[in-house]
Amino acid sequence: MSETRAAILHCPFCGEEDLFPVEEDGGWECRSCLRVFSVKMLGLSTRRSR
């Protein structure tokens, strides 16, 4: 699996787009609400839509 991050478009807390990568831990900084967060992929779902 690739270590390349996809760009996050919106902050999951405030919804703003003022995001910048945080290099030391692979997270994202929202400069609107001042939160720092990361997004982790857990895997793929085995459920199929009907």
N, C-alpha and C. Protein backbone atom coordinates (compact mmCIF):
# COMPACT_ATOMS: atom_id res chain seq x y z
N MET A 1 0.84 -1.17 0.00
CA MET A 1 0.00 0.00 0.00
C MET A 1 0.89 1.24 0.00
N SER A 2 0.50 2.25 -0.75
CA SER A 2 1.28 3.47 -0.87
C SER A 2 1.18 4.34 0.37
N GLU A 3 2.25 5.04 0.70
CA GLU A 3 2.28 5.95 1.83
C GLU A 3 1.86 7.36 1.43
N THR A 4 1.55 7.60 0.15
CA THR A 4 1.18 8.92 -0.32
C THR A 4 -0.19 9.29 0.20
N ARG A 5 -0.29 10.50 0.72
CA ARG A 5 -1.57 10.98 1.25
C ARG A 5 -2.39 11.64 0.16
N ALA A 6 -3.67 11.38 0.15
CA ALA A 6 -4.59 12.12 -0.71
C ALA A 6 -4.94 13.41 0.02
N ALA A 7 -5.21 14.44 -0.74
CA ALA A 7 -5.55 15.73 -0.13
C ALA A 7 -6.93 15.64 0.51
N ILE A 8 -7.02 16.10 1.75
CA ILE A 8 -8.29 16.19 2.46
C ILE A 8 -8.92 17.52 2.06
N LEU A 9 -10.19 17.53 1.71
CA LEU A 9 -10.81 18.75 1.20
C LEU A 9 -11.47 19.60 2.27
N HIS A 10 -11.98 18.97 3.34
CA HIS A 10 -12.70 19.70 4.38
C HIS A 10 -12.30 19.18 5.76
N CYS A 11 -12.28 20.07 6.73
CA CYS A 11 -12.04 19.68 8.11
C CYS A 11 -13.25 18.88 8.61
N PRO A 12 -13.04 17.71 9.24
CA PRO A 12 -14.18 16.93 9.73
C PRO A 12 -14.85 17.56 10.95
N PHE A 13 -14.24 18.55 11.55
CA PHE A 13 -14.80 19.18 12.75
C PHE A 13 -15.60 20.44 12.43
N CYS A 14 -15.03 21.33 11.58
CA CYS A 14 -15.71 22.60 11.31
C CYS A 14 -16.17 22.75 9.86
N GLY A 15 -15.68 21.89 8.96
CA GLY A 15 -16.11 21.93 7.57
C GLY A 15 -15.36 22.93 6.70
N GLU A 16 -14.42 23.67 7.27
CA GLU A 16 -13.67 24.67 6.49
C GLU A 16 -12.62 23.98 5.60
N GLU A 17 -12.09 24.72 4.64
CA GLU A 17 -11.11 24.20 3.70
C GLU A 17 -9.70 24.72 3.95
N ASP A 18 -9.45 25.35 5.08
CA ASP A 18 -8.17 25.97 5.41
C ASP A 18 -7.23 24.94 6.04
N LEU A 19 -6.86 23.90 5.26
CA LEU A 19 -6.09 22.76 5.77
C LEU A 19 -4.67 22.77 5.23
N PHE A 20 -3.74 22.34 6.09
CA PHE A 20 -2.34 22.25 5.72
C PHE A 20 -1.77 20.96 6.27
N PRO A 21 -0.90 20.27 5.51
CA PRO A 21 -0.31 19.02 6.00
C PRO A 21 0.64 19.27 7.18
N VAL A 22 0.63 18.33 8.12
CA VAL A 22 1.56 18.35 9.25
C VAL A 22 2.56 17.23 8.97
N GLU A 23 3.77 17.60 8.61
CA GLU A 23 4.75 16.64 8.12
C GLU A 23 5.25 15.67 9.18
N GLU A 24 5.42 16.09 10.43
CA GLU A 24 6.05 15.22 11.41
C GLU A 24 5.19 14.01 11.80
N ASP A 25 3.86 14.10 11.69
CA ASP A 25 3.05 12.94 12.06
C ASP A 25 2.08 12.50 10.96
N GLY A 26 2.16 13.10 9.78
CA GLY A 26 1.30 12.71 8.68
C GLY A 26 -0.13 13.15 8.83
N GLY A 27 -0.40 14.12 9.66
CA GLY A 27 -1.76 14.61 9.88
C GLY A 27 -2.05 15.88 9.11
N TRP A 28 -3.13 16.52 9.51
CA TRP A 28 -3.59 17.75 8.88
C TRP A 28 -3.88 18.78 9.96
N GLU A 29 -3.58 20.04 9.66
CA GLU A 29 -3.87 21.15 10.56
C GLU A 29 -4.95 22.01 9.93
N CYS A 30 -6.02 22.26 10.68
CA CYS A 30 -7.07 23.19 10.24
C CYS A 30 -6.77 24.53 10.89
N ARG A 31 -6.52 25.52 10.08
CA ARG A 31 -6.18 26.83 10.63
C ARG A 31 -7.42 27.65 10.94
N SER A 32 -8.60 27.13 10.65
CA SER A 32 -9.84 27.82 11.03
C SER A 32 -10.22 27.49 12.47
N CYS A 33 -10.22 26.19 12.82
CA CYS A 33 -10.62 25.79 14.18
C CYS A 33 -9.43 25.37 15.04
N LEU A 34 -8.22 25.41 14.46
CA LEU A 34 -6.96 25.12 15.16
C LEU A 34 -6.83 23.68 15.62
N ARG A 35 -7.56 22.77 15.00
CA ARG A 35 -7.43 21.35 15.34
C ARG A 35 -6.40 20.70 14.42
N VAL A 36 -5.71 19.70 14.96
CA VAL A 36 -4.79 18.88 14.17
C VAL A 36 -5.34 17.46 14.23
N PHE A 37 -5.47 16.81 13.08
CA PHE A 37 -6.09 15.48 13.03
C PHE A 37 -5.42 14.64 11.96
N SER A 38 -5.69 13.35 12.00
CA SER A 38 -5.24 12.45 10.95
C SER A 38 -6.42 11.61 10.50
N VAL A 39 -6.29 11.08 9.30
CA VAL A 39 -7.32 10.22 8.72
C VAL A 39 -6.66 8.88 8.44
N LYS A 40 -7.30 7.82 8.87
CA LYS A 40 -6.72 6.48 8.71
C LYS A 40 -7.70 5.59 7.96
N MET A 41 -7.21 4.94 6.93
CA MET A 41 -8.03 3.97 6.20
C MET A 41 -7.97 2.65 6.95
N LEU A 42 -9.12 2.10 7.27
CA LEU A 42 -9.19 0.85 8.01
C LEU A 42 -9.24 -0.36 7.09
N GLY A 43 -9.74 -0.18 5.88
CA GLY A 43 -9.85 -1.28 4.94
C GLY A 43 -11.04 -1.08 4.03
N LEU A 44 -11.42 -2.10 3.32
CA LEU A 44 -12.56 -2.04 2.42
C LEU A 44 -13.72 -2.83 3.01
N SER A 45 -14.90 -2.36 2.78
CA SER A 45 -16.09 -3.05 3.26
C SER A 45 -16.40 -4.24 2.38
N THR A 46 -16.93 -5.29 2.99
CA THR A 46 -17.33 -6.46 2.21
C THR A 46 -18.83 -6.40 1.87
N ARG A 47 -19.52 -5.40 2.40
CA ARG A 47 -20.95 -5.23 2.11
C ARG A 47 -21.13 -4.74 0.69
N ARG A 48 -22.16 -5.25 0.05
CA ARG A 48 -22.47 -4.80 -1.31
C ARG A 48 -23.85 -4.16 -1.29
N SER A 49 -24.00 -3.09 -2.09
CA SER A 49 -25.32 -2.42 -2.15
C SER A 49 -26.26 -3.27 -3.01
N ARG A 50 -27.54 -3.13 -2.73
CA ARG A 50 -28.54 -3.93 -3.47
C ARG A 50 -29.01 -3.21 -4.69
